[in-house]
PDB file of N, CA and C in Angstrom:
ATOM      1  N   MET A   1       1.192   8.958 -18.861  1.00  0.00           N
ATOM      2  CA  MET A   1       0.837   8.416 -20.150  1.00  0.00           C
ATOM      3  C   MET A   1       0.634   6.913 -20.005  1.00  0.00           C
ATOM      4  N   ALA A   2      -0.540   6.446 -20.337  1.00  0.00           N
ATOM      5  CA  ALA A   2      -0.827   5.016 -20.291  1.00  0.00           C
ATOM      6  C   ALA A   2      -0.225   4.342 -21.522  1.00  0.00           C
ATOM      7  N   MET A   3       0.376   3.200 -21.299  1.00  0.00           N
ATOM      8  CA  MET A   3       0.969   2.456 -22.407  1.00  0.00           C
ATOM      9  C   MET A   3       0.329   1.077 -22.460  1.00  0.00           C
ATOM     10  N   GLU A   4      -0.041   0.650 -23.645  1.00  0.00           N
ATOM     11  CA  GLU A   4      -0.624  -0.668 -23.820  1.00  0.00           C
ATOM     12  C   GLU A   4       0.368  -1.576 -24.520  1.00  0.00           C
ATOM     13  N   LYS A   5       0.422  -2.815 -24.052  1.00  0.00           N
ATOM     14  CA  LYS A   5       1.304  -3.802 -24.674  1.00  0.00           C
ATOM     15  C   LYS A   5       0.699  -4.231 -26.003  1.00  0.00           C
ATOM     16  N   VAL A   6       1.472  -4.143 -27.054  1.00  0.00           N
ATOM     17  CA  VAL A   6       1.017  -4.576 -28.370  1.00  0.00           C
ATOM     18  C   VAL A   6       1.700  -5.892 -28.733  1.00  0.00           C
ATOM     19  N   LEU A   7       3.008  -5.945 -28.614  1.00  0.00           N
ATOM     20  CA  LEU A   7       3.772  -7.150 -28.934  1.00  0.00           C
ATOM     21  C   LEU A   7       4.854  -7.369 -27.883  1.00  0.00           C
ATOM     22  N   GLY A   8       5.293  -8.596 -27.736  1.00  0.00           N
ATOM     23  CA  GLY A   8       6.423  -8.885 -26.863  1.00  0.00           C
ATOM     24  C   GLY A   8       6.030  -9.035 -25.407  1.00  0.00           C
ATOM     25  N   LYS A   9       7.006  -8.896 -24.542  1.00  0.00           N
ATOM     26  CA  LYS A   9       6.817  -9.090 -23.114  1.00  0.00           C
ATOM     27  C   LYS A   9       6.218  -7.851 -22.476  1.00  0.00           C
ATOM     28  N   GLU A  10       5.431  -8.065 -21.430  1.00  0.00           N
ATOM     29  CA  GLU A  10       4.864  -6.940 -20.702  1.00  0.00           C
ATOM     30  C   GLU A  10       5.939  -6.368 -19.787  1.00  0.00           C
ATOM     31  N   LEU A  11       6.201  -5.087 -19.912  1.00  0.00           N
ATOM     32  CA  LEU A  11       7.250  -4.426 -19.141  1.00  0.00           C
ATOM     33  C   LEU A  11       6.638  -3.490 -18.103  1.00  0.00           C
ATOM     34  N   ALA A  12       7.338  -3.307 -16.986  1.00  0.00           N
ATOM     35  CA  ALA A  12       6.867  -2.402 -15.938  1.00  0.00           C
ATOM     36  C   ALA A  12       7.038  -0.961 -16.406  1.00  0.00           C
ATOM     37  N   THR A  13       6.062  -0.113 -16.092  1.00  0.00           N
ATOM     38  CA  THR A  13       6.134   1.293 -16.469  1.00  0.00           C
ATOM     39  C   THR A  13       5.764   2.151 -15.268  1.00  0.00           C
ATOM     40  N   GLY A  14       6.074   3.425 -15.364  1.00  0.00           N
ATOM     41  CA  GLY A  14       5.679   4.368 -14.325  1.00  0.00           C
ATOM     42  C   GLY A  14       6.667   4.447 -13.181  1.00  0.00           C
ATOM     43  N   VAL A  15       6.318   5.285 -12.203  1.00  0.00           N
ATOM     44  CA  VAL A  15       7.177   5.539 -11.049  1.00  0.00           C
ATOM     45  C   VAL A  15       6.393   5.190  -9.796  1.00  0.00           C
ATOM     46  N   THR A  16       7.019   4.503  -8.846  1.00  0.00           N
ATOM     47  CA  THR A  16       6.390   4.195  -7.571  1.00  0.00           C
ATOM     48  C   THR A  16       6.162   5.481  -6.799  1.00  0.00           C
ATOM     49  N   ALA A  17       5.010   5.622  -6.196  1.00  0.00           N
ATOM     50  CA  ALA A  17       4.704   6.832  -5.426  1.00  0.00           C
ATOM     51  C   ALA A  17       5.619   6.941  -4.215  1.00  0.00           C
ATOM     52  N   THR A  18       5.974   8.179  -3.854  1.00  0.00           N
ATOM     53  CA  THR A  18       6.839   8.400  -2.697  1.00  0.00           C
ATOM     54  C   THR A  18       6.170   8.015  -1.402  1.00  0.00           C
ATOM     55  N   GLY A  19       4.863   8.129  -1.349  1.00  0.00           N
ATOM     56  CA  GLY A  19       4.166   7.905  -0.094  1.00  0.00           C
ATOM     57  C   GLY A  19       4.053   9.169   0.731  1.00  0.00           C
ATOM     58  N   ILE A  20       4.577  10.286   0.237  1.00  0.00           N
ATOM     59  CA  ILE A  20       4.465  11.567   0.924  1.00  0.00           C
ATOM     60  C   ILE A  20       3.359  12.360   0.245  1.00  0.00           C
ATOM     61  N   GLU A  21       2.361  12.766   1.014  1.00  0.00           N
ATOM     62  CA  GLU A  21       1.252  13.518   0.448  1.00  0.00           C
ATOM     63  C   GLU A  21       1.749  14.823  -0.163  1.00  0.00           C
ATOM     64  N   GLY A  22       1.314  15.113  -1.373  1.00  0.00           N
ATOM     65  CA  GLY A  22       1.688  16.352  -2.045  1.00  0.00           C
ATOM     66  C   GLY A  22       2.975  16.263  -2.843  1.00  0.00           C
ATOM     67  N   VAL A  23       3.593  15.089  -2.889  1.00  0.00           N
ATOM     68  CA  VAL A  23       4.823  14.886  -3.656  1.00  0.00           C
ATOM     69  C   VAL A  23       4.495  13.969  -4.827  1.00  0.00           C
ATOM     70  N   HIS A  24       4.756  14.441  -6.034  1.00  0.00           N
ATOM     71  CA  HIS A  24       4.404  13.708  -7.247  1.00  0.00           C
ATOM     72  C   HIS A  24       5.678  13.387  -8.021  1.00  0.00           C
ATOM     73  N   GLU A  25       6.115  12.147  -7.919  1.00  0.00           N
ATOM     74  CA  GLU A  25       7.392  11.751  -8.502  1.00  0.00           C
ATOM     75  C   GLU A  25       7.405  11.822 -10.018  1.00  0.00           C
ATOM     76  N   GLN A  26       8.531  12.271 -10.538  1.00  0.00           N
ATOM     77  CA  GLN A  26       8.792  12.288 -11.968  1.00  0.00           C
ATOM     78  C   GLN A  26       9.791  11.201 -12.344  1.00  0.00           C
ATOM     79  N   SER A  27      10.725  10.915 -11.443  1.00  0.00           N
ATOM     80  CA  SER A  27      11.700   9.848 -11.662  1.00  0.00           C
ATOM     81  C   SER A  27      12.176   9.338 -10.313  1.00  0.00           C
ATOM     82  N   ALA A  28      12.651   8.089 -10.294  1.00  0.00           N
ATOM     83  CA  ALA A  28      13.125   7.496  -9.046  1.00  0.00           C
ATOM     84  C   ALA A  28      14.189   6.457  -9.343  1.00  0.00           C
ATOM     85  N   THR A  29      15.120   6.310  -8.397  1.00  0.00           N
ATOM     86  CA  THR A  29      16.168   5.304  -8.515  1.00  0.00           C
ATOM     87  C   THR A  29      16.317   4.603  -7.176  1.00  0.00           C
ATOM     88  N   LYS A  30      16.159   3.283  -7.176  1.00  0.00           N
ATOM     89  CA  LYS A  30      16.408   2.486  -5.981  1.00  0.00           C
ATOM     90  C   LYS A  30      17.718   1.739  -6.219  1.00  0.00           C
ATOM     91  N   SER A  31      18.654   1.870  -5.290  1.00  0.00           N
ATOM     92  CA  SER A  31      19.974   1.256  -5.453  1.00  0.00           C
ATOM     93  C   SER A  31      20.329   0.419  -4.235  1.00  0.00           C
ATOM     94  N   ALA A  32      20.864  -0.763  -4.472  1.00  0.00           N
ATOM     95  CA  ALA A  32      21.443  -1.586  -3.414  1.00  0.00           C
ATOM     96  C   ALA A  32      22.950  -1.382  -3.489  1.00  0.00           C
ATOM     97  N   LYS A  33      23.555  -1.006  -2.358  1.00  0.00           N
ATOM     98  CA  LYS A  33      24.978  -0.674  -2.378  1.00  0.00           C
ATOM     99  C   LYS A  33      25.724  -1.395  -1.271  1.00  0.00           C
ATOM    100  N   GLY A  34      27.018  -1.458  -1.406  1.00  0.00           N
ATOM    101  CA  GLY A  34      27.884  -2.047  -0.395  1.00  0.00           C
ATOM    102  C   GLY A  34      29.331  -1.727  -0.722  1.00  0.00           C
ATOM    103  N   GLU A  35      30.144  -1.749   0.298  1.00  0.00           N
ATOM    104  CA  GLU A  35      31.578  -1.520   0.129  1.00  0.00           C
ATOM    105  C   GLU A  35      32.273  -2.878   0.029  1.00  0.00           C
ATOM    106  N   THR A  36      33.114  -3.049  -0.978  1.00  0.00           N
ATOM    107  CA  THR A  36      33.827  -4.314  -1.123  1.00  0.00           C
ATOM    108  C   THR A  36      35.279  -4.167  -0.678  1.00  0.00           C
ATOM    109  N   LYS A  37      35.780  -5.224  -0.090  1.00  0.00           N
ATOM    110  CA  LYS A  37      37.186  -5.284   0.319  1.00  0.00           C
ATOM    111  C   LYS A  37      37.763  -6.563  -0.267  1.00  0.00           C
ATOM    112  N   VAL A  38      38.814  -6.431  -1.076  1.00  0.00           N
ATOM    113  CA  VAL A  38      39.462  -7.572  -1.721  1.00  0.00           C
ATOM    114  C   VAL A  38      40.768  -7.864  -0.992  1.00  0.00           C
ATOM    115  N   PHE A  39      40.969  -9.137  -0.651  1.00  0.00           N
ATOM    116  CA  PHE A  39      42.199  -9.558   0.009  1.00  0.00           C
ATOM    117  C   PHE A  39      43.044 -10.358  -0.973  1.00  0.00           C
ATOM    118  N   LYS A  40      44.347 -10.115  -0.939  1.00  0.00           N
ATOM    119  CA  LYS A  40      45.275 -10.738  -1.888  1.00  0.00           C
ATOM    120  C   LYS A  40      46.310 -11.579  -1.147  1.00  0.00           C
ATOM    121  N   ASP A  41      46.846 -12.581  -1.857  1.00  0.00           N
ATOM    122  CA  ASP A  41      47.931 -13.370  -1.277  1.00  0.00           C
ATOM    123  C   ASP A  41      49.263 -12.678  -1.545  1.00  0.00           C
ATOM    124  N   LYS A  42      50.356 -13.313  -1.170  1.00  0.00           N
ATOM    125  CA  LYS A  42      51.687 -12.707  -1.302  1.00  0.00           C
ATOM    126  C   LYS A  42      52.080 -12.418  -2.741  1.00  0.00           C
ATOM    127  N   ASP A  43      51.423 -13.097  -3.705  1.00  0.00           N
ATOM    128  CA  ASP A  43      51.731 -12.880  -5.112  1.00  0.00           C
ATOM    129  C   ASP A  43      50.807 -11.848  -5.764  1.00  0.00           C
ATOM    130  N   GLY A  44      49.894 -11.297  -4.988  1.00  0.00           N
ATOM    131  CA  GLY A  44      48.983 -10.292  -5.520  1.00  0.00           C
ATOM    132  C   GLY A  44      47.720 -10.851  -6.141  1.00  0.00           C
ATOM    133  N   ASN A  45      47.495 -12.161  -5.985  1.00  0.00           N
ATOM    134  CA  ASN A  45      46.276 -12.781  -6.515  1.00  0.00           C
ATOM    135  C   ASN A  45      45.117 -12.573  -5.544  1.00  0.00           C
ATOM    136  N   ASP A  46      43.940 -12.289  -6.087  1.00  0.00           N
ATOM    137  CA  ASP A  46      42.757 -12.146  -5.247  1.00  0.00           C
ATOM    138  C   ASP A  46      42.418 -13.490  -4.624  1.00  0.00           C
ATOM    139  N   ILE A  47      42.229 -13.503  -3.303  1.00  0.00           N
ATOM    140  CA  ILE A  47      41.888 -14.764  -2.638  1.00  0.00           C
ATOM    141  C   ILE A  47      40.560 -14.685  -1.881  1.00  0.00           C
ATOM    142  N   ALA A  48      40.079 -13.483  -1.602  1.00  0.00           N
ATOM    143  CA  ALA A  48      38.801 -13.353  -0.899  1.00  0.00           C
ATOM    144  C   ALA A  48      38.223 -11.962  -1.143  1.00  0.00           C
ATOM    145  N   VAL A  49      36.903 -11.906  -1.192  1.00  0.00           N
ATOM    146  CA  VAL A  49      36.206 -10.628  -1.317  1.00  0.00           C
ATOM    147  C   VAL A  49      35.114 -10.601  -0.249  1.00  0.00           C
ATOM    148  N   TYR A  50      35.088  -9.528   0.514  1.00  0.00           N
ATOM    149  CA  TYR A  50      34.049  -9.330   1.520  1.00  0.00           C
ATOM    150  C   TYR A  50      33.241  -8.088   1.146  1.00  0.00           C
ATOM    151  N   VAL A  51      31.960  -8.144   1.427  1.00  0.00           N
ATOM    152  CA  VAL A  51      31.097  -6.986   1.211  1.00  0.00           C
ATOM    153  C   VAL A  51      30.602  -6.523   2.581  1.00  0.00           C
ATOM    154  N   ALA A  52      30.813  -5.260   2.866  1.00  0.00           N
ATOM    155  CA  ALA A  52      30.382  -4.676   4.133  1.00  0.00           C
ATOM    156  C   ALA A  52      29.527  -3.452   3.853  1.00  0.00           C
ATOM    157  N   ASP A  53      28.912  -2.939   4.865  1.00  0.00           N
ATOM    158  CA  ASP A  53      28.112  -1.718   4.772  1.00  0.00           C
ATOM    159  C   ASP A  53      27.041  -1.824   3.693  1.00  0.00           C
ATOM    160  N   LYS A  54      26.357  -2.981   3.655  1.00  0.00           N
ATOM    161  CA  LYS A  54      25.262  -3.129   2.695  1.00  0.00           C
ATOM    162  C   LYS A  54      24.130  -2.199   3.095  1.00  0.00           C
ATOM    163  N   HIS A  55      23.581  -1.475   2.117  1.00  0.00           N
ATOM    164  CA  HIS A  55      22.466  -0.577   2.383  1.00  0.00           C
ATOM    165  C   HIS A  55      21.723  -0.274   1.089  1.00  0.00           C
ATOM    166  N   ASP A  56      20.532   0.253   1.246  1.00  0.00           N
ATOM    167  CA  ASP A  56      19.734   0.681   0.101  1.00  0.00           C
ATOM    168  C   ASP A  56      19.710   2.198   0.061  1.00  0.00           C
ATOM    169  N   GLU A  57      19.700   2.743  -1.139  1.00  0.00           N
ATOM    170  CA  GLU A  57      19.529   4.175  -1.323  1.00  0.00           C
ATOM    171  C   GLU A  57      18.379   4.390  -2.289  1.00  0.00           C
ATOM    172  N   TYR A  58      17.594   5.409  -2.024  1.00  0.00           N
ATOM    173  CA  TYR A  58      16.447   5.731  -2.855  1.00  0.00           C
ATOM    174  C   TYR A  58      16.513   7.215  -3.162  1.00  0.00           C
ATOM    175  N   SER A  59      16.632   7.562  -4.428  1.00  0.00           N
ATOM    176  CA  SER A  59      16.672   8.971  -4.806  1.00  0.00           C
ATOM    177  C   SER A  59      15.540   9.238  -5.797  1.00  0.00           C
ATOM    178  N   PHE A  60      15.070  10.468  -5.797  1.00  0.00           N
ATOM    179  CA  PHE A  60      13.932  10.784  -6.650  1.00  0.00           C
ATOM    180  C   PHE A  60      13.934  12.255  -7.023  1.00  0.00           C
ATOM    181  N   GLU A  61      13.170  12.556  -8.047  1.00  0.00           N
ATOM    182  CA  GLU A  61      12.903  13.924  -8.470  1.00  0.00           C
ATOM    183  C   GLU A  61      11.393  14.023  -8.579  1.00  0.00           C
ATOM    184  N   ALA A  62      10.806  15.075  -7.986  1.00  0.00           N
ATOM    185  CA  ALA A  62       9.353  15.146  -7.928  1.00  0.00           C
ATOM    186  C   ALA A  62       8.860  16.583  -7.957  1.00  0.00           C
ATOM    187  N   LEU A  63       7.620  16.732  -8.414  1.00  0.00           N
ATOM    188  CA  LEU A  63       6.904  17.994  -8.295  1.00  0.00           C
ATOM    189  C   LEU A  63       6.300  18.021  -6.899  1.00  0.00           C
ATOM    190  N   ILE A  64       6.278  19.192  -6.270  1.00  0.00           N
ATOM    191  CA  ILE A  64       5.727  19.268  -4.924  1.00  0.00           C
ATOM    192  C   ILE A  64       4.636  20.327  -4.850  1.00  0.00           C
ATOM    193  N   GLU A  65       3.637  20.034  -4.045  1.00  0.00           N
ATOM    194  CA  GLU A  65       2.585  21.005  -3.792  1.00  0.00           C
ATOM    195  C   GLU A  65       3.102  22.001  -2.757  1.00  0.00           C
ATOM    196  N   SER A  66       2.534  23.202  -2.764  1.00  0.00           N
ATOM    197  CA  SER A  66       3.041  24.272  -1.891  1.00  0.00           C
ATOM    198  C   SER A  66       2.928  23.940  -0.408  1.00  0.00           C
ATOM    199  N   LYS A  67       2.042  23.015  -0.027  1.00  0.00           N
ATOM    200  CA  LYS A  67       1.862  22.670   1.382  1.00  0.00           C
ATOM    201  C   LYS A  67       2.938  21.724   1.921  1.00  0.00           C
ATOM    202  N   VAL A  68       3.800  21.179   1.064  1.00  0.00           N
ATOM    203  CA  VAL A  68       4.789  20.193   1.486  1.00  0.00           C
ATOM    204  C   VAL A  68       5.925  20.873   2.257  1.00  0.00           C
ATOM    205  N   ALA A  69       6.175  20.376   3.461  1.00  0.00           N
ATOM    206  CA  ALA A  69       7.264  20.912   4.281  1.00  0.00           C
ATOM    207  C   ALA A  69       8.582  20.266   3.872  1.00  0.00           C
ATOM    208  N   ASP A  70       9.657  21.041   3.963  1.00  0.00           N
ATOM    209  CA  ASP A  70      10.978  20.499   3.658  1.00  0.00           C
ATOM    210  C   ASP A  70      11.353  19.420   4.668  1.00  0.00           C
ATOM    211  N   LYS A  71      12.127  18.458   4.219  1.00  0.00           N
ATOM    212  CA  LYS A  71      12.682  17.440   5.102  1.00  0.00           C
ATOM    213  C   LYS A  71      14.047  17.934   5.587  1.00  0.00           C
ATOM    214  N   GLU A  72      14.422  17.519   6.770  1.00  0.00           N
ATOM    215  CA  GLU A  72      15.728  17.866   7.333  1.00  0.00           C
ATOM    216  C   GLU A  72      16.709  16.730   7.072  1.00  0.00           C
ATOM    217  N   ILE A  73      17.946  17.071   6.783  1.00  0.00           N
ATOM    218  CA  ILE A  73      18.983  16.048   6.652  1.00  0.00           C
ATOM    219  C   ILE A  73      19.116  15.348   7.999  1.00  0.00           C
ATOM    220  N   GLY A  74      19.124  14.024   7.988  1.00  0.00           N
ATOM    221  CA  GLY A  74      19.197  13.252   9.219  1.00  0.00           C
ATOM    222  C   GLY A  74      17.844  12.808   9.737  1.00  0.00           C
ATOM    223  N   GLU A  75      16.769  13.373   9.197  1.00  0.00           N
ATOM    224  CA  GLU A  75      15.415  12.982   9.587  1.00  0.00           C
ATOM    225  C   GLU A  75      15.115  11.595   9.033  1.00  0.00           C
ATOM    226  N   THR A  76      14.401  10.781   9.793  1.00  0.00           N
ATOM    227  CA  THR A  76      13.986   9.470   9.316  1.00  0.00           C
ATOM    228  C   THR A  76      12.624   9.602   8.652  1.00  0.00           C
ATOM    229  N   THR A  77      12.485   9.008   7.472  1.00  0.00           N
ATOM    230  CA  THR A  77      11.218   9.074   6.752  1.00  0.00           C
ATOM    231  C   THR A  77      11.081   7.848   5.863  1.00  0.00           C
ATOM    232  N   THR A  78       9.904   7.645   5.328  1.00  0.00           N
ATOM    233  CA  THR A  78       9.645   6.560   4.381  1.00  0.00           C
ATOM    234  C   THR A  78       9.292   7.176   3.040  1.00  0.00           C
ATOM    235  N   ILE A  79      10.048   6.799   2.017  1.00  0.00           N
ATOM    236  CA  ILE A  79       9.822   7.290   0.664  1.00  0.00           C
ATOM    237  C   ILE A  79       9.875   6.092  -0.271  1.00  0.00           C
ATOM    238  N   GLY A  80       8.867   5.950  -1.100  1.00  0.00           N
ATOM    239  CA  GLY A  80       8.850   4.853  -2.065  1.00  0.00           C
ATOM    240  C   GLY A  80       8.940   3.485  -1.432  1.00  0.00           C
ATOM    241  N   GLY A  81       8.391   3.342  -0.221  1.00  0.00           N
ATOM    242  CA  GLY A  81       8.419   2.059   0.469  1.00  0.00           C
ATOM    243  C   GLY A  81       9.725   1.764   1.177  1.00  0.00           C
ATOM    244  N   VAL A  82      10.694   2.683   1.129  1.00  0.00           N
ATOM    245  CA  VAL A  82      11.979   2.509   1.797  1.00  0.00           C
ATOM    246  C   VAL A  82      12.029   3.457   2.985  1.00  0.00           C
ATOM    247  N   THR A  83      12.310   2.931   4.185  1.00  0.00           N
ATOM    248  CA  THR A  83      12.450   3.764   5.374  1.00  0.00           C
ATOM    249  C   THR A  83      13.931   3.969   5.633  1.00  0.00           C
ATOM    250  N   GLY A  84      14.331   5.226   5.747  1.00  0.00           N
ATOM    251  CA  GLY A  84      15.743   5.522   5.972  1.00  0.00           C
ATOM    252  C   GLY A  84      15.946   6.958   6.405  1.00  0.00           C
ATOM    253  N   VAL A  85      17.192   7.363   6.380  1.00  0.00           N
ATOM    254  CA  VAL A  85      17.606   8.696   6.800  1.00  0.00           C
ATOM    255  C   VAL A  85      17.736   9.587   5.570  1.00  0.00           C
ATOM    256  N   VAL A  86      17.176  10.789   5.651  1.00  0.00           N
ATOM    257  CA  VAL A  86      17.264  11.745   4.550  1.00  0.00           C
ATOM    258  C   VAL A  86      18.716  12.202   4.419  1.00  0.00           C
ATOM    259  N   THR A  87      19.298  11.995   3.240  1.00  0.00           N
ATOM    260  CA  THR A  87      20.689  12.401   2.990  1.00  0.00           C
ATOM    261  C   THR A  87      20.785  13.546   1.990  1.00  0.00           C
ATOM    262  N   GLN A  88      19.673  13.837   1.298  1.00  0.00           N
ATOM    263  CA  GLN A  88      19.644  14.944   0.338  1.00  0.00           C
ATOM    264  C   GLN A  88      18.219  15.458   0.239  1.00  0.00           C
ATOM    265  N   TRP A  89      18.065  16.775   0.175  1.00  0.00           N
ATOM    266  CA  TRP A  89      16.753  17.387  -0.029  1.00  0.00           C
ATOM    267  C   TRP A  89      16.976  18.733  -0.693  1.00  0.00           C
ATOM    268  N   ASP A  90      16.959  18.759  -1.999  1.00  0.00           N
ATOM    269  CA  ASP A  90      17.198  19.976  -2.771  1.00  0.00           C
ATOM    270  C   ASP A  90      15.890  20.477  -3.346  1.00  0.00           C
ATOM    271  N   ILE A  91      15.621  21.771  -3.192  1.00  0.00           N
ATOM    272  CA  ILE A  91      14.457  22.398  -3.806  1.00  0.00           C
ATOM    273  C   ILE A  91      14.957  23.228  -4.985  1.00  0.00           C
ATOM    274  N   VAL A  92      14.427  22.945  -6.172  1.00  0.00           N
ATOM    275  CA  VAL A  92      14.820  23.671  -7.377  1.00  0.00           C
ATOM    276  C   VAL A  92      13.683  24.625  -7.731  1.00  0.00           C
ATOM    277  N   GLU A  93      13.985  25.910  -7.791  1.00  0.00           N
ATOM    278  CA  GLU A  93      12.994  26.926  -8.122  1.00  0.00           C
ATOM    279  C   GLU A  93      13.413  27.652  -9.389  1.00  0.00           C
ATOM    280  N   LYS A  94      12.441  27.916 -10.263  1.00  0.00           N
ATOM    281  CA  LYS A  94      12.689  28.642 -11.510  1.00  0.00           C
ATOM    282  C   LYS A  94      11.596  29.680 -11.700  1.00  0.00           C
ATOM    283  N   ASN A  95      11.898  30.742 -12.434  1.00  0.00           N
ATOM    284  CA  ASN A  95      10.902  31.770 -12.721  1.00  0.00           C
ATOM    285  C   ASN A  95       9.780  31.267 -13.621  1.00  0.00           C
ATOM    286  N   ASP A  96      10.099  30.290 -14.468  1.00  0.00           N
ATOM    287  CA  ASP A  96       9.116  29.847 -15.459  1.00  0.00           C
ATOM    288  C   ASP A  96       8.665  28.400 -15.271  1.00  0.00           C
ATOM    289  N   ASP A  97       8.745  27.898 -14.033  1.00  0.00           N
ATOM    290  CA  ASP A  97       8.364  26.507 -13.801  1.00  0.00           C
ATOM    291  C   ASP A  97       7.931  26.337 -12.349  1.00  0.00           C
ATOM    292  N   VAL A  98       7.357  25.182 -12.038  1.00  0.00           N
ATOM    293  CA  VAL A  98       6.954  24.893 -10.661  1.00  0.00           C
ATOM    294  C   VAL A  98       8.154  24.404  -9.864  1.00  0.00           C
ATOM    295  N   LYS A  99       8.026  24.433  -8.534  1.00  0.00           N
ATOM    296  CA  LYS A  99       9.106  23.927  -7.681  1.00  0.00           C
ATOM    297  C   LYS A  99       9.292  22.435  -7.900  1.00  0.00           C
ATOM    298  N   LEU A 100      10.520  22.020  -7.775  1.00  0.00           N
ATOM    299  CA  LEU A 100      10.903  20.627  -7.955  1.00  0.00           C
ATOM    300  C   LEU A 100      11.763  20.235  -6.769  1.00  0.00           C
ATOM    301  N   VAL A 101      11.593  19.029  -6.268  1.00  0.00           N
ATOM    302  CA  VAL A 101      12.449  18.555  -5.191  1.00  0.00           C
ATOM    303  C   VAL A 101      13.270  17.375  -5.705  1.00  0.00           C
ATOM    304  N   ARG A 102      14.532  17.350  -5.318  1.00  0.00           N
ATOM    305  CA  ARG A 102      15.415  16.202  -5.549  1.00  0.00           C
ATOM    306  C   ARG A 102      15.835  15.735  -4.175  1.00  0.00           C
ATOM    307  N   GLY A 103      15.504  14.496  -3.859  1.00  0.00           N
ATOM    308  CA  GLY A 103      15.799  13.991  -2.524  1.00  0.00           C
ATOM    309  C   GLY A 103      16.404  12.615  -2.567  1.00  0.00           C
ATOM    310  N   ALA A 104      16.971  12.201  -1.433  1.00  0.00           N
ATOM    311  CA  ALA A 104      17.540  10.863  -1.313  1.00  0.00           C
ATOM    312  C   ALA A 104      17.470  10.424   0.138  1.00  0.00           C
ATOM    313  N   ILE A 105      17.253   9.121   0.323  1.00  0.00           N
ATOM    314  CA  ILE A 105      17.336   8.544   1.655  1.00  0.00           C
ATOM    315  C   ILE A 105      18.233   7.322   1.593  1.00  0.00           C
ATOM    316  N   ARG A 106      18.773   6.953   2.757  1.00  0.00           N
ATOM    317  CA  ARG A 106      19.657   5.800   2.853  1.00  0.00           C
ATOM    318  C   ARG A 106      19.255   4.960   4.048  1.00  0.00           C
ATOM    319  N   THR A 107      19.260   3.641   3.865  1.00  0.00           N
ATOM    320  CA  THR A 107      18.969   2.738   4.974  1.00  0.00           C
ATOM    321  C   THR A 107      20.258   2.418   5.725  1.00  0.00           C
ATOM    322  N   PHE A 108      20.096   2.058   6.990  1.00  0.00           N
ATOM    323  CA  PHE A 108      21.200   1.614   7.831  1.00  0.00           C
ATOM    324  C   PHE A 108      20.756   0.322   8.501  1.00  0.00           C
ATOM    325  N   PRO A 109      20.818  -0.809   7.771  1.00  0.00           N
ATOM    326  CA  PRO A 109      20.268  -2.067   8.284  1.00  0.00           C
ATOM    327  C   PRO A 109      20.980  -2.597   9.526  1.00  0.00           C
ATOM    328  N   ASP A 110      22.224  -2.188   9.769  1.00  0.00           N
ATOM    329  CA  ASP A 110      22.941  -2.675  10.950  1.00  0.00           C
ATOM    330  C   ASP A 110      22.497  -1.973  12.230  1.00  0.00           C
ATOM    331  N   ILE A 111      21.772  -0.859  12.093  1.00  0.00           N
ATOM    332  CA  ILE A 111      21.267  -0.133  13.255  1.00  0.00           C
ATOM    333  C   ILE A 111      19.780  -0.447  13.341  1.00  0.00           C
ATOM    334  N   GLN A 112      19.399  -1.339  14.225  1.00  0.00           N
ATOM    335  CA  GLN A 112      18.018  -1.805  14.291  1.00  0.00           C
ATOM    336  C   GLN A 112      17.127  -0.926  15.146  1.00  0.00           C
ATOM    337  N   SER A 113      17.573  -0.592  16.352  1.00  0.00           N
ATOM    338  CA  SER A 113      16.680   0.059  17.291  1.00  0.00           C
ATOM    339  C   SER A 113      16.988   1.533  17.478  1.00  0.00           C
ATOM    340  N   GLY A 114      18.057   2.015  16.904  1.00  0.00           N
ATOM    341  CA  GLY A 114      18.433   3.412  17.088  1.00  0.00           C
ATOM    342  C   GLY A 114      19.133   3.672  18.397  1.00  0.00           C
ATOM    343  N   THR A 115      19.501   2.611  19.121  1.00  0.00           N
ATOM    344  CA  THR A 115      20.183   2.810  20.407  1.00  0.00           C
ATOM    345  C   THR A 115      21.635   2.420  20.299  1.00  0.00           C
TER     346      THR A 115
END
């Protein structure tokens, strides 16, 4: 559905394409994540916070054409401009609807070369 700005600020609309032929996204979520560790002094006051394991996650829900092959968990792929490891690939089938895929990938920025 095309939307035209009538009043106010121009807002972004739509969903970024997955980049996989035959996959038509309905929704997508890009998340930046990290694990935090809080250090306290002897009185229990927070004195330092470190963030480790920073990574991006990209999850989506999409309609798929019948020619689309399933992805394997652990496979490296690029979806929505994010290259990472497939961590979820669910195919939803119904008697009264088309197939739907729910997938997710995760980046591992600390692993550069795969060695």
